Protein backbone atom coordinates (compact mmCIF):
# COMPACT_ATOMS: atom_id res chain seq x y z
CA UNK A 1 33.29 40.00 66.30
CA UNK A 2 31.41 36.79 65.91
CA UNK A 3 29.66 35.75 62.69
CA UNK A 4 25.50 35.89 63.23
CA UNK A 5 23.05 33.79 65.09
CA UNK A 6 21.68 31.05 62.12
CA UNK A 7 24.21 30.79 60.01
CA UNK A 8 25.44 26.99 60.31
CA UNK A 9 27.02 26.57 56.73
CA UNK A 10 28.63 29.13 54.63
CA UNK A 11 26.94 27.57 51.65
CA UNK A 12 23.90 29.00 52.63
CA UNK A 13 25.08 32.36 52.10
CA UNK A 14 25.28 34.33 48.27
CA UNK A 15 27.67 36.78 49.79
CA UNK A 16 29.58 36.93 52.53
CA UNK A 17 32.32 39.59 53.64
CA UNK A 18 34.25 41.16 56.41
CA UNK A 19 36.29 44.81 56.59
CA UNK A 20 37.84 47.01 58.47
CA UNK A 21 36.63 50.66 58.45
CA UNK A 22 38.46 53.96 59.09
CA UNK A 23 37.29 56.84 60.99
CA UNK A 24 38.22 60.56 59.71
CA UNK A 25 41.79 60.46 60.76
CA UNK A 26 42.40 57.02 58.92
CA UNK A 27 42.31 54.74 61.93
CA UNK A 28 41.22 51.58 61.39
CA UNK A 29 39.18 51.18 64.45
CA UNK A 30 35.95 49.61 63.16
CA UNK A 31 35.11 46.39 61.15
CA UNK A 32 31.95 45.05 60.29
CA UNK A 33 30.41 41.81 58.78
CA UNK A 34 27.68 41.63 55.59
CA UNK A 35 25.96 38.88 54.29
CA UNK A 36 23.15 37.92 52.32
CA UNK A 37 21.44 34.50 52.29
CA UNK A 38 20.06 32.84 48.90
CA UNK A 39 17.12 33.48 48.01
CA UNK A 40 16.93 36.89 50.10
CA UNK A 41 16.91 40.73 48.87
CA UNK A 42 17.84 42.03 51.91
CA UNK A 43 21.55 42.09 53.77
CA UNK A 44 22.25 41.31 57.12
CA UNK A 45 25.16 42.96 59.05
CA UNK A 46 26.88 43.54 62.24
CA UNK A 47 28.89 46.87 62.70
CA UNK A 48 31.55 48.32 65.00
CA UNK A 49 31.05 51.68 64.09
CA UNK A 50 34.55 53.44 63.45
CA UNK A 51 33.85 56.84 64.99
CA UNK A 52 31.83 55.93 68.00
CA UNK A 53 32.91 52.15 68.45
CA UNK A 54 29.00 51.42 69.08
CA UNK A 55 28.25 48.23 68.37
CA UNK A 56 24.58 47.34 66.25
CA UNK A 57 23.23 44.67 63.80
CA UNK A 58 20.55 45.12 61.63
CA UNK A 59 19.41 44.32 58.33
CA UNK A 60 19.51 46.96 55.16
CA UNK A 61 18.93 46.04 51.70
CA UNK A 62 21.17 47.79 49.37
CA UNK A 63 20.55 49.34 45.89
CA UNK A 64 23.96 49.76 44.98
CA UNK A 65 27.73 50.04 45.51
CA UNK A 66 29.13 51.39 47.30
CA UNK A 67 27.24 49.99 50.29
CA UNK A 68 26.82 52.56 52.92
CA UNK A 69 24.81 51.86 56.19
CA UNK A 70 24.45 54.32 58.74
CA UNK A 71 25.31 54.43 63.01
CA UNK A 72 22.15 54.29 65.29
CA UNK A 73 24.38 56.57 67.85
CA UNK A 74 26.32 58.96 65.93
CA UNK A 75 24.64 59.29 62.83
CA UNK A 76 27.62 59.13 60.30
CA UNK A 77 27.07 57.44 57.05
CA UNK A 78 29.66 54.42 56.53
CA UNK A 79 30.80 52.95 53.60
CA UNK A 80 31.83 49.92 53.24
CA UNK A 81 34.11 50.31 50.30
CA UNK A 82 34.30 47.80 47.25
CA UNK A 83 37.57 45.76 47.37
CA UNK A 84 40.29 46.52 44.95
CA UNK A 85 42.85 44.49 43.26
CA UNK A 86 46.56 45.26 44.31
């Protein structure tokens, strides 16, 4: 999955993460990239749904963690888990 257009320098971003997403069977079939530019409230994201494999890109304002987005195709809620220390 490519990074979104318009991002030329990582220093422009206040937050960026890339995660693999599990479906109901526990298989990592999806992926999400989430970013927020410095000074902006909204996050941008690119998503490959782990349930239906649909790709989508949008912007959303997250209120609290864990961050959640909804697939536009199948309607399932997708949680972007917080990274844990191992």
